[in-house]
């Protein structure tokens, strides 16, 4: 049967995670994309331009402007019967909507899929990524969230799918949008960045974190990340956290500065293409996954690296 990918978008265009979700869906067969938004013609056109997409379902309603999970979920449920798979990216938005859809369909959600073995069989990490479970679902409709790091994004252009307008379904009362606080930064978004520079508890303070790592990130055009220990200590904001309880990243280059390499952190970045670790502790677990390791005082090594760049 056909798979339905639930697009993540800002109404004007698609978010990068959608392209990874589509890549996973292609392993299941034909793919349709649902764009549910308000005045989201731009996002619908972008979805139609993805190579290989057969059809885009476009639901346009003012009640979808804020992308509340309850509002998006009822739109998905309205068309779910026509599909064998409903695919979400394993982002905060996807993880918010998917369980509502799975519960309403009375099916077991398969979360954090990293590989599609067959239309009913999937791989997903467990125990902070230390083991891979093979999961088979016998449900008639399979609701999946897929890790974006497990699938290379498909090309955003080259397609010419038809766009079908679908009437919006009324959203039951129960939740109201109150407000949103969005962190603004001139740096790339952490989960979409090609280069990430992360700091750990060894940075010592928020002042040192920014003083030492910001120049390196600026030189490399990188996003800034942090370990949970650094976030808990107040050295970095919560939305910078990389790891099992933070964000999962897989950039082309990951630079770990003063990060010991706890299992929970490794679970969030070990799929990075090239990992560079800077740590003065030769026994730090981070060196076991690093492609390049520098045993040095980061407060000396990083300024020297910035100067060399």
Protein backbone atom coordinates (compact mmCIF):
# COMPACT_ATOMS: atom_id res chain seq x y z
CA UNK A 1 0.00 0.00 0.00
CA UNK A 2 0.92 3.65 -0.30
CA UNK A 3 2.76 5.41 2.54
CA UNK A 4 1.70 8.85 3.76
CA UNK A 5 4.40 11.21 4.99
CA UNK A 6 3.28 14.00 7.29
CA UNK A 7 5.19 17.09 6.19
CA UNK A 8 6.80 19.44 8.67
CA UNK A 9 6.76 22.98 7.40
CA UNK A 10 6.55 26.68 8.24
CA UNK A 11 3.64 27.16 5.78
CA UNK A 12 6.01 28.70 3.24
CA UNK A 13 8.38 25.78 2.76
CA UNK A 14 9.31 22.34 4.07
CA UNK A 15 11.57 21.67 7.02
CA UNK A 16 14.62 19.48 6.20
CA UNK A 17 13.36 16.57 8.34
CA UNK A 18 10.55 15.99 5.84
CA UNK A 19 13.06 14.98 3.16
CA UNK A 20 14.54 12.34 5.48
CA UNK A 21 11.08 11.00 6.30
CA UNK A 22 10.29 10.74 2.58
CA UNK A 23 13.52 8.79 2.06
CA UNK A 24 12.35 6.24 4.63
CA UNK A 25 8.89 6.07 3.07
CA UNK A 26 10.32 5.27 -0.36
CA UNK A 27 11.53 1.96 1.10
CA UNK A 28 7.87 1.12 1.73
CA UNK A 29 6.49 1.76 -1.76
CA UNK A 30 4.59 4.64 -3.34
CA UNK A 31 4.59 7.85 -1.32
CA UNK A 32 2.05 10.62 -0.77
CA UNK A 33 2.67 13.71 1.38
CA UNK A 34 0.18 15.49 3.62
CA UNK A 35 0.65 19.24 4.07
CA UNK A 36 -1.71 20.53 6.75
CA UNK A 37 -1.39 24.25 7.37
CA UNK A 38 -2.79 27.72 6.92
CA UNK A 39 -2.02 29.55 3.68
CA UNK A 40 0.55 26.84 3.08
CA UNK A 41 0.53 26.84 -0.71
CA UNK A 42 4.31 27.33 -0.69
CA UNK A 43 4.84 24.23 1.44
CA UNK A 44 2.48 22.21 -0.78
CA UNK A 45 4.38 23.27 -3.91
CA UNK A 46 7.67 22.35 -2.24
CA UNK A 47 6.29 18.91 -1.37
CA UNK A 48 5.08 18.40 -4.95
CA UNK A 49 8.59 19.20 -6.21
CA UNK A 50 10.18 16.30 -4.31
CA UNK A 51 11.33 13.71 -6.82
CA UNK A 52 9.29 10.52 -6.70
CA UNK A 53 6.26 11.83 -4.81
CA UNK A 54 3.01 10.71 -6.46
CA UNK A 55 0.54 13.06 -4.77
CA UNK A 56 0.35 15.85 -2.22
CA UNK A 57 -2.71 16.20 -0.01
CA UNK A 58 -3.15 19.82 0.97
CA UNK A 59 -5.36 20.73 3.92
CA UNK A 60 -5.69 24.48 4.34
CA UNK A 61 -7.44 25.93 7.36
CA UNK A 62 -6.86 28.85 9.72
CA UNK A 63 -7.06 26.45 12.66
CA UNK A 64 -3.82 24.84 11.50
CA UNK A 65 -1.79 28.03 11.62
CA UNK A 66 -0.15 27.14 14.93
CA UNK A 67 0.40 23.46 14.09
CA UNK A 68 -1.11 22.19 17.33
CA UNK A 69 -0.71 18.43 17.60
CA UNK A 70 -4.43 17.91 18.18
CA UNK A 71 -5.33 19.89 15.06
CA UNK A 72 -2.82 18.11 12.82
CA UNK A 73 -3.71 14.68 14.18
CA UNK A 74 -7.39 14.90 13.23
CA UNK A 75 -6.43 15.84 9.66
CA UNK A 76 -4.18 12.78 9.48
CA UNK A 77 -6.88 10.52 10.88
CA UNK A 78 -9.35 11.77 8.27
CA UNK A 79 -7.27 10.20 5.46
CA UNK A 80 -5.49 7.41 7.36
CA UNK A 81 -7.77 4.63 6.08
CA UNK A 82 -6.33 5.00 2.57
CA UNK A 83 -2.76 4.21 3.64
CA UNK A 84 -0.79 1.25 4.94
CA UNK A 85 1.92 3.38 6.56
CA UNK A 86 1.83 6.82 8.16
CA UNK A 87 5.31 8.25 8.51
CA UNK A 88 6.51 11.08 10.73
CA UNK A 89 10.01 12.43 11.30
CA UNK A 90 11.16 11.70 14.85
CA UNK A 91 11.32 15.39 15.74
CA UNK A 92 9.54 17.15 18.58
CA UNK A 93 6.60 17.85 16.26
CA UNK A 94 6.44 14.31 14.90
CA UNK A 95 6.71 12.80 18.37
CA UNK A 96 3.85 15.05 19.46
CA UNK A 97 1.44 14.11 16.68
CA UNK A 98 2.25 10.45 15.97
CA UNK A 99 1.14 8.98 19.34
CA UNK A 100 -2.23 10.71 19.02
CA UNK A 101 -2.71 9.15 15.60
CA UNK A 102 -1.58 5.70 16.74
CA UNK A 103 -3.82 5.77 19.80
CA UNK A 104 -6.86 6.84 17.79
CA UNK A 105 -6.20 4.02 15.28
CA UNK A 106 -5.61 1.56 18.14
CA UNK A 107 -2.25 0.47 16.75
CA UNK A 108 1.23 0.18 18.24
CA UNK A 109 3.52 2.99 17.13
CA UNK A 110 7.00 2.00 15.95
CA UNK A 111 9.35 4.76 17.11
CA UNK A 112 12.79 5.94 16.01
CA UNK A 113 13.05 3.70 12.96
CA UNK A 114 16.57 3.74 11.53
CA UNK A 115 16.17 1.11 8.81
CA UNK A 116 13.30 -0.41 6.84
CA UNK A 117 13.84 -4.14 6.33
CA UNK A 118 10.39 -4.91 4.89
CA UNK A 119 7.01 -3.18 4.80
CA UNK A 120 6.23 -4.70 8.21
CA UNK A 121 9.74 -5.02 9.69
CA UNK A 122 11.96 -2.24 10.99
CA UNK A 123 15.13 -1.61 12.96
CA UNK A 124 15.25 0.83 15.87
CA UNK A 125 17.89 1.56 18.53
CA UNK A 126 17.33 0.61 22.17
CA UNK A 127 19.40 1.04 25.34
CA UNK A 128 20.71 4.43 24.22
CA UNK A 129 21.76 2.98 20.88
CA UNK A 130 23.84 0.16 22.36
CA UNK A 131 21.56 -2.44 20.77
CA UNK A 132 19.41 -2.52 17.66
CA UNK A 133 15.97 -4.12 17.90
CA UNK A 134 14.22 -5.64 14.91
CA UNK A 135 10.50 -4.95 15.21
CA UNK A 136 7.70 -6.51 13.19
CA UNK A 137 4.28 -4.87 13.16
CA UNK A 138 1.17 -6.81 12.17
CA UNK A 139 -1.15 -3.80 12.44
CA UNK A 140 -3.18 -2.96 9.35
CA UNK A 141 -1.93 0.64 9.47
CA UNK A 142 1.61 1.16 10.66
CA UNK A 143 2.43 4.47 12.37
CA UNK A 144 6.16 5.18 12.26
CA UNK A 145 8.51 7.87 13.45
CA UNK A 146 11.87 7.77 11.66
CA UNK A 147 15.18 9.10 12.84
CA UNK A 148 16.40 11.67 10.37
CA UNK A 149 20.00 10.56 10.98
CA UNK A 150 19.16 7.10 9.64
CA UNK A 151 18.11 8.22 6.16
CA UNK A 152 19.82 10.54 3.71
CA UNK A 153 17.45 13.28 2.54
CA UNK A 154 15.92 12.91 -0.90
CA UNK A 155 16.41 15.67 -3.49
CA UNK A 156 14.04 18.57 -2.90
CA UNK A 157 13.56 19.17 -6.62
CA UNK A 158 12.88 17.18 -9.75
CA UNK A 159 9.33 16.06 -9.05
CA UNK A 160 5.97 17.21 -10.36
CA UNK A 161 3.34 15.59 -8.16
CA UNK A 162 -0.30 16.61 -8.29
CA UNK A 163 -1.66 18.63 -5.39
CA UNK A 164 -5.09 17.56 -4.16
CA UNK A 165 -7.05 19.88 -1.90
CA UNK A 166 -8.64 18.08 1.05
CA UNK A 167 -11.33 19.62 3.24
CA UNK A 168 -10.23 20.33 6.79
CA UNK A 169 -11.82 18.39 9.63
CA UNK A 170 -13.17 20.32 12.62
CA UNK A 171 -10.90 20.09 15.64
CA UNK A 172 -12.59 19.03 18.90
CA UNK A 173 -12.27 21.67 21.65
CA UNK A 174 -9.79 21.02 24.41
CA UNK A 175 -6.59 22.89 23.62
CA UNK A 176 -5.86 26.50 22.77
CA UNK A 177 -2.71 28.08 21.42
CA UNK A 178 -1.40 30.57 23.99
CA UNK A 179 2.03 31.61 22.73
CA UNK A 180 5.40 30.51 21.47
CA UNK A 181 8.92 31.55 22.42
CA UNK A 182 11.37 30.86 19.62
CA UNK A 183 15.11 30.99 20.15
CA UNK A 184 16.72 33.16 17.48
CA UNK A 185 20.26 32.64 16.30
CA UNK A 186 22.44 33.60 13.37
CA UNK A 187 23.96 30.12 13.48
CA UNK A 188 22.62 27.10 11.58
CA UNK A 189 19.87 25.06 13.22
CA UNK A 190 21.47 22.35 15.34
CA UNK A 191 19.72 19.34 13.81
CA UNK A 192 20.27 20.58 10.24
CA UNK A 193 23.83 21.89 10.56
CA UNK A 194 26.62 20.28 8.55
CA UNK A 195 29.15 21.13 11.27
CA UNK A 196 28.51 21.08 15.03
CA UNK A 197 30.85 22.26 17.78
CA UNK A 198 29.82 20.96 21.20
CA UNK A 199 31.12 21.65 24.69
CA UNK A 200 30.93 19.69 27.92
CA UNK A 201 31.16 20.28 31.63
CA UNK A 202 34.92 20.85 31.29
CA UNK A 203 34.14 24.30 29.83
CA UNK A 204 33.70 25.46 33.44
CA UNK A 205 31.24 28.32 32.94
CA UNK A 206 28.86 29.84 30.44
CA UNK A 207 31.33 32.67 29.91
CA UNK A 208 34.14 30.28 29.02
CA UNK A 209 31.76 28.21 26.89
CA UNK A 210 31.00 31.18 24.67
CA UNK A 211 34.45 32.74 24.85
CA UNK A 212 36.23 29.56 23.72
CA UNK A 213 33.73 27.80 21.45
CA UNK A 214 32.00 30.69 19.69
CA UNK A 215 35.11 31.78 17.71
CA UNK A 216 35.63 28.19 16.53
CA UNK A 217 31.97 27.84 15.52
CA UNK A 218 32.17 31.18 13.69
CA UNK A 219 35.26 30.08 11.78
CA UNK A 220 33.66 26.79 10.76
CA UNK A 221 30.15 28.15 10.15
CA UNK A 222 28.96 25.63 12.72
CA UNK A 223 26.05 25.24 15.10
CA UNK A 224 26.79 25.11 18.82
CA UNK A 225 25.81 22.10 20.90
CA UNK A 226 26.36 20.92 24.45
CA UNK A 227 26.33 17.82 26.60
CA UNK A 228 23.60 17.35 29.18
CA UNK A 229 26.12 18.00 31.95
CA UNK A 230 26.93 21.40 30.43
CA UNK A 231 23.25 22.25 30.05
CA UNK A 232 22.42 21.13 33.61
CA UNK A 233 25.30 23.27 34.90
CA UNK A 234 23.84 26.30 33.13
CA UNK A 235 26.70 26.69 30.67
CA UNK A 236 24.45 26.39 27.60
CA UNK A 237 20.72 26.72 26.84
CA UNK A 238 18.51 23.64 26.85
CA UNK A 239 17.91 23.70 23.08
CA UNK A 240 21.64 23.11 22.50
CA UNK A 241 21.62 19.73 24.25
CA UNK A 242 22.81 16.80 22.15
CA UNK A 243 22.11 13.28 23.33
CA UNK A 244 19.53 10.69 24.24
CA UNK A 245 17.42 13.26 26.12
CA UNK A 246 18.31 16.10 23.76
CA UNK A 247 18.68 16.35 20.00
CA UNK A 248 19.94 13.65 17.66
CA UNK A 249 22.44 15.02 15.14
CA UNK A 250 24.50 13.52 12.33
CA UNK A 251 26.53 16.35 10.77
CA UNK A 252 29.43 15.98 8.37
CA UNK A 253 31.76 17.11 11.19
CA UNK A 254 31.19 16.93 14.95
CA UNK A 255 33.76 18.57 17.23
CA UNK A 256 33.45 17.45 20.87
CA UNK A 257 35.27 19.78 23.23
CA UNK A 258 35.70 18.73 26.86
CA UNK A 259 33.02 16.05 26.54
CA UNK A 260 33.78 12.76 28.30
CA UNK A 261 31.47 10.73 26.07
CA UNK A 262 28.78 9.28 28.31
CA UNK A 263 26.51 6.73 26.61
CA UNK A 264 23.62 9.18 26.61
CA UNK A 265 25.65 11.77 24.69
CA UNK A 266 27.07 9.27 22.23
CA UNK A 267 23.52 8.16 21.39
CA UNK A 268 22.86 11.64 20.02
CA UNK A 269 25.92 12.12 17.81
CA UNK A 270 27.69 8.86 17.01
CA UNK A 271 26.22 8.78 13.48
CA UNK A 272 28.21 11.90 12.59
CA UNK A 273 30.36 11.38 9.50
CA UNK A 274 33.60 12.64 11.11
CA UNK A 275 34.04 13.03 14.89
CA UNK A 276 36.86 15.08 16.38
CA UNK A 277 37.41 14.91 20.14
CA UNK A 278 39.47 17.34 22.22
CA UNK A 279 39.96 16.20 25.81
CA UNK A 280 42.86 16.14 28.27
CA UNK A 281 41.73 12.80 29.74
CA UNK A 282 43.27 10.00 27.63
CA UNK A 283 40.72 7.54 29.07
CA UNK A 284 37.67 9.59 28.01
CA UNK A 285 35.12 7.29 26.28
CA UNK A 286 34.64 9.90 23.53
CA UNK A 287 37.96 8.79 22.03
CA UNK A 288 36.50 5.33 21.34
CA UNK A 289 34.12 6.76 18.72
CA UNK A 290 36.27 9.65 17.49
CA UNK A 291 37.88 9.58 14.06
CA UNK A 292 40.45 12.09 15.29
CA UNK A 293 41.41 12.62 18.92
CA UNK A 294 43.50 15.39 20.46
CA UNK A 295 44.69 14.83 24.02
CA UNK A 296 45.16 18.42 25.12
CA UNK A 297 43.93 21.26 27.30
CA UNK A 298 40.99 22.62 25.33
CA UNK A 299 41.61 26.16 26.63
CA UNK A 300 44.98 26.06 24.86
CA UNK A 301 44.18 23.85 21.87
CA UNK A 302 40.98 25.53 20.68
CA UNK A 303 42.32 29.12 20.55
CA UNK A 304 45.36 27.75 18.69
CA UNK A 305 43.05 25.95 16.27
CA UNK A 306 41.02 29.12 15.70
CA UNK A 307 44.19 31.07 15.02
CA UNK A 308 45.38 28.43 12.56
CA UNK A 309 42.05 28.51 10.73
